[in-house]
Amino acid sequence: MYKAIIRLMVFPSTLRALNYRNFRLYMVGQSISLIGTWMQRMAISWLVYELTESAFMLGLVAFAGLIPILILSPYAGAFVDRHSRYKTLLVTQIASMVQAGLLAFVVLTDQYNITIIIILSVFLGIINSFDSPSRQSLMIVMVDNKADLQNAIALNSSMVTMARLVGPAVAGILLSTVGEGICFLINFLSFIAVLYSLFSMRLQLPIRKKNIEPIWMNLKEGYIYLKRSPALRSIIWLTALISFVIMPYTTLFPIYAKEIFKGDVTTFGWLNSISGLGALMGALYLASQKTINHLLKIISIAVLLLSGNLILFSYTTIFPIALFFILFAEVGMLLFISASNTYLQTHVEENMRGRVISYFIMAFGGMQPIGNLIIGSVAHFIGVQLTLLIQGVSGIFIILFFLPPFKKANQRDKKKSMRMRGE
């Protein structure tokens, strides 16, 4: 009966990508799994700070979890273009489940230390290097109409941010009552949902020609393709700089919670949850857009919104006002990430999709570990408030530098659109 109702249901325009069965399955499975993922992320940050009380160690653990993405993403993108995206995603989800299970075991049996946490973080980073390009490049296969791809990406972002809203809220309660181990155990169990959804899909995967070239040739082709695509190259460079300079600001949340706002794990949970709410607002706005025009304009405004609110947040000591600034900083963050992803997905050639997305993921996730390490070190010496102020100001200068190439890209897109319409 439930399945029959779903088949007859037609979702409204804002949710139109949910009309596709495979995408619905993906959303349900990932929604459950990602709540567990955000619970684990928050629990690790709190566990590390409780163990070390060090801003540098927070940055080091974040570095360990993300540095494999910087090193492996180009290879992973070429790998995904040569092999089944679906099978690759299936393997990475199983491996992520194993990582969560190991983390839950060592914490629940009290056999952990900072070295073990770093090793397991590196393990997860290796998994994510292959998981992200396979997942992102599979998205286009889940929706039959390419015109609905932007909506699918925005809904995917909404799902991630909803999990980011719910996960830290639940984790905050559990951390103050039963401890970090239960958060890791719940994340382990949450992968059952995503594996079930993947096994239930009926995908029409594009036929791939057997690739006999060495994989390094595929890597070179991806680099050359980006070199000849100035708009895509600009997006990836901007993402790399924002990821390096600004995105590590969340690493400082445990210190803000304890030292600036004189709070505890509940305060930390509020900072994470309000971030999720802001990101959700940004995702819903993007999902409501019916066209993919003006994406570069949205990206520019988003970076200004993010940077400006971080500047205001940096020296704010009144907690409710600080939450307001973080809310709108995260609106900007989500708009930037989703609009950038959508622009790449809708302007890249299909045979280059995995490689271009892998460069985007390398820029997005791969530059963060270096940023985390540097931001943690800088905050250790000059304080978290001045560090965050510098991050916000830097973001404004970065986007101002990219406005001229974005203007040229807009002009090229308009000319291309006019040629396609025969004007």
Protein backbone atom coordinates (compact mmCIF):
# COMPACT_ATOMS: atom_id res chain seq x y z
CA MET A 1 0.00 0.00 0.00
CA TYR A 2 2.79 2.43 0.95
CA LYS A 3 4.66 1.73 -2.30
CA ALA A 4 1.51 2.23 -4.35
CA ILE A 5 0.90 5.63 -2.73
CA ILE A 6 4.49 6.68 -3.44
CA ARG A 7 4.16 5.67 -7.10
CA LEU A 8 1.03 7.78 -7.49
CA MET A 9 2.49 10.77 -5.63
CA VAL A 10 3.78 13.72 -7.64
CA PHE A 11 6.12 15.93 -5.65
CA PRO A 12 5.94 19.73 -5.95
CA SER A 13 8.47 21.69 -8.01
CA THR A 14 10.77 22.35 -5.03
CA LEU A 15 11.01 18.58 -4.45
CA ARG A 16 10.74 17.44 -8.09
CA ALA A 17 13.89 15.25 -8.02
CA LEU A 18 12.06 13.00 -5.52
CA ASN A 19 9.79 11.88 -8.35
CA TYR A 20 12.63 9.54 -9.36
CA ARG A 21 12.60 6.24 -7.44
CA ASN A 22 16.38 5.80 -7.24
CA PHE A 23 16.88 9.30 -5.93
CA ARG A 24 14.17 8.75 -3.27
CA LEU A 25 15.94 5.61 -2.09
CA TYR A 26 19.24 7.45 -2.02
CA MET A 27 17.77 10.29 0.03
CA VAL A 28 16.15 8.02 2.62
CA GLY A 29 19.25 5.88 3.13
CA GLN A 30 21.67 8.78 3.23
CA SER A 31 19.42 10.83 5.53
CA ILE A 32 19.63 8.16 8.22
CA SER A 33 23.32 7.44 7.69
CA LEU A 34 24.38 11.09 7.70
CA ILE A 35 22.74 11.75 11.06
CA GLY A 36 25.10 9.13 12.44
CA THR A 37 28.02 10.67 10.53
CA TRP A 38 27.44 14.11 12.08
CA MET A 39 27.07 12.54 15.51
CA GLN A 40 30.46 10.90 15.03
CA ARG A 41 32.11 14.14 13.82
CA MET A 42 30.90 16.07 16.82
CA ALA A 43 31.82 13.28 19.25
CA ILE A 44 35.36 13.05 17.86
CA SER A 45 35.92 16.81 18.21
CA TRP A 46 34.70 16.77 21.79
CA LEU A 47 36.65 13.60 22.64
CA VAL A 48 39.89 15.06 21.27
CA TYR A 49 39.45 18.35 23.14
CA GLU A 50 38.59 16.53 26.37
CA LEU A 51 41.73 14.40 25.97
CA THR A 52 44.15 17.16 25.03
CA GLU A 53 42.58 20.62 25.63
CA SER A 54 44.66 21.71 22.64
CA ALA A 55 43.61 23.77 19.61
CA PHE A 56 46.60 22.30 17.76
CA MET A 57 45.44 18.71 18.38
CA LEU A 58 41.94 19.57 17.15
CA GLY A 59 43.54 20.84 13.96
CA LEU A 60 45.83 17.79 13.73
CA VAL A 61 42.98 15.27 13.97
CA ALA A 62 40.98 17.20 11.38
CA PHE A 63 44.13 17.25 9.22
CA ALA A 64 44.53 13.48 9.54
CA GLY A 65 40.95 12.86 8.47
CA LEU A 66 41.11 15.04 5.38
CA ILE A 67 44.69 14.91 4.06
CA PRO A 68 44.07 11.63 2.15
CA ILE A 69 41.48 13.52 0.08
CA LEU A 70 44.12 16.00 -1.06
CA ILE A 71 46.54 13.23 -2.02
CA LEU A 72 44.16 10.63 -3.47
CA SER A 73 41.26 12.58 -5.03
CA PRO A 74 42.73 12.98 -8.56
CA TYR A 75 43.52 9.25 -8.66
CA ALA A 76 40.09 8.43 -7.22
CA GLY A 77 38.36 10.54 -9.88
CA ALA A 78 40.21 8.74 -12.68
CA PHE A 79 39.39 5.42 -10.98
CA VAL A 80 35.68 6.29 -10.86
CA ASP A 81 35.68 7.22 -14.56
CA ARG A 82 37.18 3.79 -15.37
CA HIS A 83 35.04 1.63 -13.07
CA SER A 84 31.45 1.30 -11.88
CA ARG A 85 30.47 4.33 -9.80
CA TYR A 86 27.76 2.26 -8.15
CA LYS A 87 30.07 -0.58 -7.07
CA THR A 88 32.69 1.89 -5.85
CA LEU A 89 30.08 3.66 -3.70
CA LEU A 90 28.87 0.35 -2.31
CA VAL A 91 32.40 -0.65 -1.25
CA THR A 92 33.13 2.73 0.34
CA GLN A 93 29.92 2.63 2.38
CA ILE A 94 30.76 -0.84 3.71
CA ALA A 95 34.29 0.35 4.56
CA SER A 96 32.86 3.43 6.34
CA MET A 97 30.66 1.12 8.40
CA VAL A 98 33.71 -0.91 9.42
CA GLN A 99 35.57 2.29 10.43
CA ALA A 100 32.65 3.42 12.60
CA GLY A 101 32.45 -0.02 14.18
CA LEU A 102 36.17 0.00 15.07
CA LEU A 103 35.86 3.48 16.57
CA ALA A 104 32.84 2.43 18.64
CA PHE A 105 34.68 -0.69 19.87
CA VAL A 106 37.87 1.06 21.04
CA VAL A 107 35.95 3.83 22.82
CA LEU A 108 33.32 1.61 24.46
CA THR A 109 36.05 -0.76 25.71
CA ASP A 110 38.22 2.19 26.82
CA GLN A 111 41.16 1.12 24.65
CA TYR A 112 41.63 4.38 22.78
CA ASN A 113 44.18 7.17 22.75
CA ILE A 114 44.93 10.09 20.46
CA THR A 115 47.12 7.92 18.19
CA ILE A 116 44.31 5.43 17.56
CA ILE A 117 41.88 8.27 16.83
CA ILE A 118 44.31 9.75 14.29
CA ILE A 119 44.84 6.36 12.58
CA LEU A 120 41.09 5.74 12.26
CA SER A 121 40.63 9.30 10.99
CA VAL A 122 43.20 8.66 8.25
CA PHE A 123 41.41 5.42 7.37
CA LEU A 124 38.12 7.29 6.96
CA GLY A 125 39.84 9.96 4.88
CA ILE A 126 41.10 7.30 2.45
CA ILE A 127 37.58 5.89 2.16
CA ASN A 128 36.06 9.34 1.55
CA SER A 129 38.59 10.02 -1.23
CA PHE A 130 36.80 7.39 -3.32
CA ASP A 131 33.33 7.79 -1.81
CA SER A 132 32.76 11.44 -2.72
CA PRO A 133 33.54 11.35 -6.48
CA SER A 134 31.58 8.11 -6.94
CA ARG A 135 28.57 9.51 -5.06
CA GLN A 136 28.58 12.92 -6.78
CA SER A 137 29.07 11.51 -10.28
CA LEU A 138 26.33 8.91 -9.69
CA MET A 139 23.83 11.68 -8.93
CA ILE A 140 23.13 12.39 -12.60
CA VAL A 141 22.14 8.73 -13.16
CA MET A 142 19.54 8.93 -10.39
CA VAL A 143 17.50 11.62 -12.17
CA ASP A 144 16.29 10.99 -15.72
CA ASN A 145 16.03 14.65 -16.70
CA LYS A 146 19.24 16.67 -16.53
CA ALA A 147 17.14 19.81 -15.93
CA ASP A 148 16.31 18.36 -12.50
CA LEU A 149 19.98 17.87 -11.57
CA GLN A 150 20.24 21.23 -9.78
CA ASN A 151 17.19 20.33 -7.72
CA ALA A 152 18.71 16.94 -6.89
CA ILE A 153 21.99 18.54 -5.78
CA ALA A 154 20.13 21.13 -3.69
CA LEU A 155 17.94 18.45 -2.09
CA ASN A 156 21.06 16.40 -1.40
CA SER A 157 22.54 19.46 0.32
CA SER A 158 19.28 19.89 2.25
CA MET A 159 19.54 16.29 3.40
CA VAL A 160 23.16 16.75 4.50
CA THR A 161 22.30 19.91 6.39
CA MET A 162 19.20 18.43 7.98
CA ALA A 163 21.44 15.64 9.26
CA ARG A 164 23.88 18.30 10.41
CA LEU A 165 21.03 19.91 12.33
CA VAL A 166 19.71 16.71 13.92
CA GLY A 167 23.00 14.81 14.42
CA PRO A 168 24.78 17.34 16.67
CA ALA A 169 21.58 17.97 18.65
CA VAL A 170 21.25 14.25 19.42
CA ALA A 171 25.00 13.93 19.97
CA GLY A 172 24.93 16.82 22.46
CA ILE A 173 22.38 14.96 24.57
CA LEU A 174 24.24 11.65 24.35
CA LEU A 175 27.65 13.16 25.06
CA SER A 176 26.38 14.68 28.29
CA THR A 177 24.65 11.46 29.40
CA VAL A 178 26.17 8.25 28.00
CA GLY A 179 29.39 9.40 26.33
CA GLU A 180 31.08 9.35 22.95
CA GLY A 181 31.05 5.57 22.40
CA ILE A 182 27.28 5.41 21.89
CA CYS A 183 27.51 8.12 19.21
CA PHE A 184 30.02 6.00 17.31
CA LEU A 185 27.86 2.87 17.74
CA ILE A 186 24.79 4.64 16.36
CA ASN A 187 26.81 5.78 13.34
CA PHE A 188 27.87 2.16 12.76
CA LEU A 189 24.24 0.97 12.80
CA SER A 190 23.06 3.84 10.56
CA PHE A 191 24.95 2.40 7.59
CA ILE A 192 22.40 -0.42 7.42
CA ALA A 193 19.93 2.07 5.93
CA VAL A 194 22.24 3.35 3.20
CA LEU A 195 23.33 -0.16 2.21
CA TYR A 196 19.70 -1.26 1.97
CA SER A 197 18.89 1.74 -0.26
CA LEU A 198 21.83 1.02 -2.59
CA PHE A 199 20.91 -2.66 -2.96
CA SER A 200 17.28 -1.66 -3.74
CA MET A 201 18.12 0.71 -6.62
CA ARG A 202 17.43 -0.08 -10.28
CA LEU A 203 20.00 2.03 -12.09
CA GLN A 204 20.51 2.37 -15.84
CA LEU A 205 24.24 2.88 -15.83
CA PRO A 206 25.90 4.25 -18.99
CA ILE A 207 27.91 1.69 -20.96
CA ARG A 208 31.61 2.31 -20.57
CA LYS A 209 34.25 1.49 -23.15
CA LYS A 210 37.05 -0.63 -21.78
CA ASN A 211 39.87 1.71 -20.85
CA ILE A 212 43.30 0.22 -21.54
CA GLU A 213 45.27 3.43 -21.05
CA PRO A 214 47.40 3.78 -17.91
CA ILE A 215 45.47 5.60 -15.19
CA TRP A 216 48.07 8.38 -15.12
CA MET A 217 46.97 9.26 -18.67
CA ASN A 218 43.42 9.72 -17.39
CA LEU A 219 44.74 12.00 -14.66
CA LYS A 220 46.60 14.05 -17.25
CA GLU A 221 43.48 14.32 -19.44
CA GLY A 222 41.48 15.68 -16.49
CA TYR A 223 44.16 18.29 -15.81
CA ILE A 224 44.31 19.36 -19.47
CA TYR A 225 40.50 19.56 -19.65
CA LEU A 226 40.41 21.92 -16.67
CA LYS A 227 43.26 23.95 -18.10
CA ARG A 228 41.12 24.57 -21.20
CA SER A 229 37.97 25.35 -19.17
CA PRO A 230 38.59 28.72 -17.42
CA ALA A 231 35.20 28.88 -15.68
CA LEU A 232 35.49 25.39 -14.17
CA ARG A 233 39.10 26.10 -13.24
CA SER A 234 38.10 29.32 -11.46
CA ILE A 235 35.42 27.50 -9.45
CA ILE A 236 37.91 24.88 -8.31
CA TRP A 237 40.58 27.45 -7.41
CA LEU A 238 38.05 29.51 -5.44
CA THR A 239 36.85 26.37 -3.63
CA ALA A 240 40.45 25.49 -2.75
CA LEU A 241 41.13 28.94 -1.28
CA ILE A 242 37.85 29.10 0.69
CA SER A 243 38.44 25.56 1.99
CA PHE A 244 41.97 26.43 3.01
CA VAL A 245 41.32 29.83 4.61
CA ILE A 246 37.71 29.89 5.87
CA MET A 247 36.13 26.44 6.22
CA PRO A 248 38.40 25.34 9.10
CA TYR A 249 36.62 27.84 11.37
CA THR A 250 34.35 25.06 12.72
CA THR A 251 37.47 23.39 14.16
CA LEU A 252 37.52 26.23 16.71
CA PHE A 253 33.96 25.59 17.96
CA PRO A 254 34.96 23.51 21.03
CA ILE A 255 37.23 26.37 22.17
CA TYR A 256 34.54 28.98 21.57
CA ALA A 257 32.05 26.84 23.52
CA LYS A 258 34.31 26.43 26.56
CA GLU A 259 36.47 29.54 26.70
CA ILE A 260 34.58 32.34 24.95
CA PHE A 261 31.00 31.46 25.90
CA LYS A 262 31.94 29.72 29.20
CA GLY A 263 29.73 26.77 28.30
CA ASP A 264 29.93 22.99 28.01
CA VAL A 265 29.05 20.26 25.51
CA THR A 266 25.50 21.64 25.23
CA THR A 267 26.92 24.99 24.07
CA PHE A 268 29.07 23.11 21.55
CA GLY A 269 25.98 21.26 20.36
CA TRP A 270 24.09 24.55 19.82
CA LEU A 271 26.91 25.94 17.68
CA ASN A 272 26.85 22.84 15.48
CA SER A 273 23.07 22.62 15.28
CA ILE A 274 22.56 26.29 14.39
CA SER A 275 25.18 25.81 11.68
CA GLY A 276 23.06 22.99 10.32
CA LEU A 277 19.93 25.15 10.41
CA GLY A 278 21.66 27.92 8.46
CA ALA A 279 22.94 25.46 5.88
CA LEU A 280 19.43 24.01 5.56
CA MET A 281 18.01 27.46 4.86
CA GLY A 282 20.57 27.94 2.10
CA ALA A 283 19.84 24.53 0.60
CA LEU A 284 16.08 25.12 0.56
CA TYR A 285 16.58 28.47 -1.16
CA LEU A 286 18.67 26.84 -3.88
CA ALA A 287 16.19 23.98 -4.27
CA SER A 288 13.39 26.51 -4.88
CA GLN A 289 15.22 28.00 -7.88
CA LYS A 290 13.74 26.72 -11.15
CA THR A 291 16.70 27.63 -13.37
CA ILE A 292 20.47 27.29 -13.15
CA ASN A 293 21.12 30.86 -14.28
CA HIS A 294 23.16 33.33 -12.21
CA LEU A 295 25.07 30.60 -10.35
CA LEU A 296 28.31 32.58 -10.43
CA LYS A 297 26.49 35.58 -8.95
CA ILE A 298 25.08 33.36 -6.18
CA ILE A 299 28.58 32.02 -5.47
CA SER A 300 30.00 35.55 -5.12
CA ILE A 301 27.22 36.75 -2.81
CA ALA A 302 27.49 33.55 -0.76
CA VAL A 303 31.20 34.05 -0.03
CA LEU A 304 30.55 37.66 1.02
CA LEU A 305 27.71 36.50 3.31
CA LEU A 306 29.90 33.82 4.86
CA SER A 307 32.93 36.06 5.36
CA GLY A 308 30.99 39.06 6.69
CA ASN A 309 29.17 37.03 9.32
CA LEU A 310 32.38 35.35 10.48
CA ILE A 311 33.88 38.79 11.04
CA LEU A 312 30.86 39.76 13.15
CA PHE A 313 30.90 36.44 15.04
CA SER A 314 34.63 36.51 15.84
CA TYR A 315 34.49 38.96 18.78
CA THR A 316 30.85 38.49 19.80
CA THR A 317 30.56 37.25 23.40
CA ILE A 318 26.74 37.30 23.69
CA PHE A 319 25.77 33.75 22.80
CA PRO A 320 22.32 34.32 21.15
CA ILE A 321 23.77 37.06 18.91
CA ALA A 322 26.73 34.81 18.05
CA LEU A 323 24.29 32.07 17.00
CA PHE A 324 22.55 34.55 14.69
CA PHE A 325 25.83 35.35 12.91
CA ILE A 326 26.76 31.66 12.59
CA LEU A 327 23.29 30.93 11.18
CA PHE A 328 23.80 33.32 8.26
CA ALA A 329 27.45 32.40 7.81
CA GLU A 330 26.30 28.85 7.17
CA VAL A 331 23.61 30.04 4.75
CA GLY A 332 26.47 31.52 2.76
CA MET A 333 28.61 28.41 3.13
CA LEU A 334 25.90 26.10 1.80
CA LEU A 335 24.98 28.39 -1.08
CA PHE A 336 28.64 28.54 -2.07
CA ILE A 337 29.17 24.77 -1.97
CA SER A 338 25.91 23.79 -3.70
CA ALA A 339 26.03 26.49 -6.38
CA SER A 340 29.67 25.60 -7.16
CA ASN A 341 28.82 21.89 -7.38
CA THR A 342 25.80 22.61 -9.60
CA TYR A 343 27.82 24.82 -11.95
CA LEU A 344 30.45 22.10 -12.37
CA GLN A 345 27.90 19.30 -12.85
CA THR A 346 25.98 21.23 -15.51
CA HIS A 347 29.03 22.45 -17.45
CA VAL A 348 31.28 19.37 -17.51
CA GLU A 349 31.38 16.73 -20.27
CA GLU A 350 30.11 13.30 -19.18
CA ASN A 351 33.36 11.43 -19.87
CA MET A 352 35.22 13.90 -17.63
CA ARG A 353 32.66 14.03 -14.82
CA GLY A 354 34.45 11.82 -12.30
CA ARG A 355 37.80 13.54 -12.81
CA VAL A 356 36.47 17.10 -12.63
CA ILE A 357 34.39 16.28 -9.55
CA SER A 358 37.46 14.69 -7.96
CA TYR A 359 39.39 17.95 -8.46
CA PHE A 360 36.46 19.80 -6.87
CA ILE A 361 36.46 17.38 -3.94
CA MET A 362 40.24 17.72 -3.64
CA ALA A 363 39.81 21.49 -3.49
CA PHE A 364 36.84 21.27 -1.10
CA GLY A 365 37.99 18.53 1.25
CA GLY A 366 41.67 18.25 0.46
CA MET A 367 42.67 21.81 1.30
CA GLN A 368 40.80 21.76 4.61
CA PRO A 369 43.31 19.53 6.41
CA ILE A 370 46.15 21.92 5.71
CA GLY A 371 43.89 24.80 6.72
CA ASN A 372 42.82 22.97 9.89
CA LEU A 373 46.42 22.39 10.90
CA ILE A 374 47.45 25.99 10.22
CA ILE A 375 44.32 27.55 11.75
CA GLY A 376 44.71 25.38 14.85
CA SER A 377 48.34 26.40 15.18
CA VAL A 378 47.63 30.11 14.60
CA ALA A 379 44.76 30.05 17.13
CA HIS A 380 47.09 28.44 19.66
CA PHE A 381 49.44 31.44 19.45
CA ILE A 382 47.21 34.48 18.75
CA GLY A 383 43.84 33.29 20.10
CA VAL A 384 40.68 32.02 18.41
CA GLN A 385 38.95 35.40 18.05
CA LEU A 386 41.73 37.15 16.13
CA THR A 387 42.22 34.02 14.03
CA LEU A 388 38.56 33.97 12.99
CA LEU A 389 38.59 37.70 12.25
CA ILE A 390 41.55 37.20 9.90
CA GLN A 391 39.72 34.32 8.20
CA GLY A 392 36.64 36.47 7.54
CA VAL A 393 38.60 39.42 6.16
CA SER A 394 40.63 37.09 3.93
CA GLY A 395 37.43 35.65 2.46
CA ILE A 396 36.30 39.08 1.27
CA PHE A 397 39.62 39.74 -0.48
CA ILE A 398 39.53 36.29 -2.11
CA ILE A 399 36.09 36.73 -3.71
CA LEU A 400 36.93 40.24 -4.91
CA PHE A 401 39.89 38.70 -6.77
CA PHE A 402 37.57 36.23 -8.56
CA LEU A 403 34.91 38.71 -9.68
CA PRO A 404 36.64 39.60 -13.01
CA PRO A 405 37.04 35.97 -14.22
CA PHE A 406 33.46 35.24 -13.15
CA LYS A 407 32.26 38.20 -15.24
CA LYS A 408 34.09 36.81 -18.29
CA ALA A 409 32.63 33.35 -17.66
CA ASN A 410 29.12 34.82 -17.51
CA GLN A 411 29.66 36.51 -20.87
CA ARG A 412 30.88 33.23 -22.41
CA ASP A 413 27.86 31.37 -21.01
CA LYS A 414 25.47 33.96 -22.48
CA LYS A 415 27.11 33.73 -25.93
CA LYS A 416 26.97 29.94 -25.81
CA SER A 417 23.29 30.04 -24.81
CA MET A 418 22.51 32.42 -27.70
CA ARG A 419 24.30 30.16 -30.20
CA MET A 420 22.31 27.15 -28.96
CA ARG A 421 19.07 29.10 -29.46
CA GLY A 422 20.21 30.16 -32.93
CA GLU A 423 20.18 33.88 -32.15
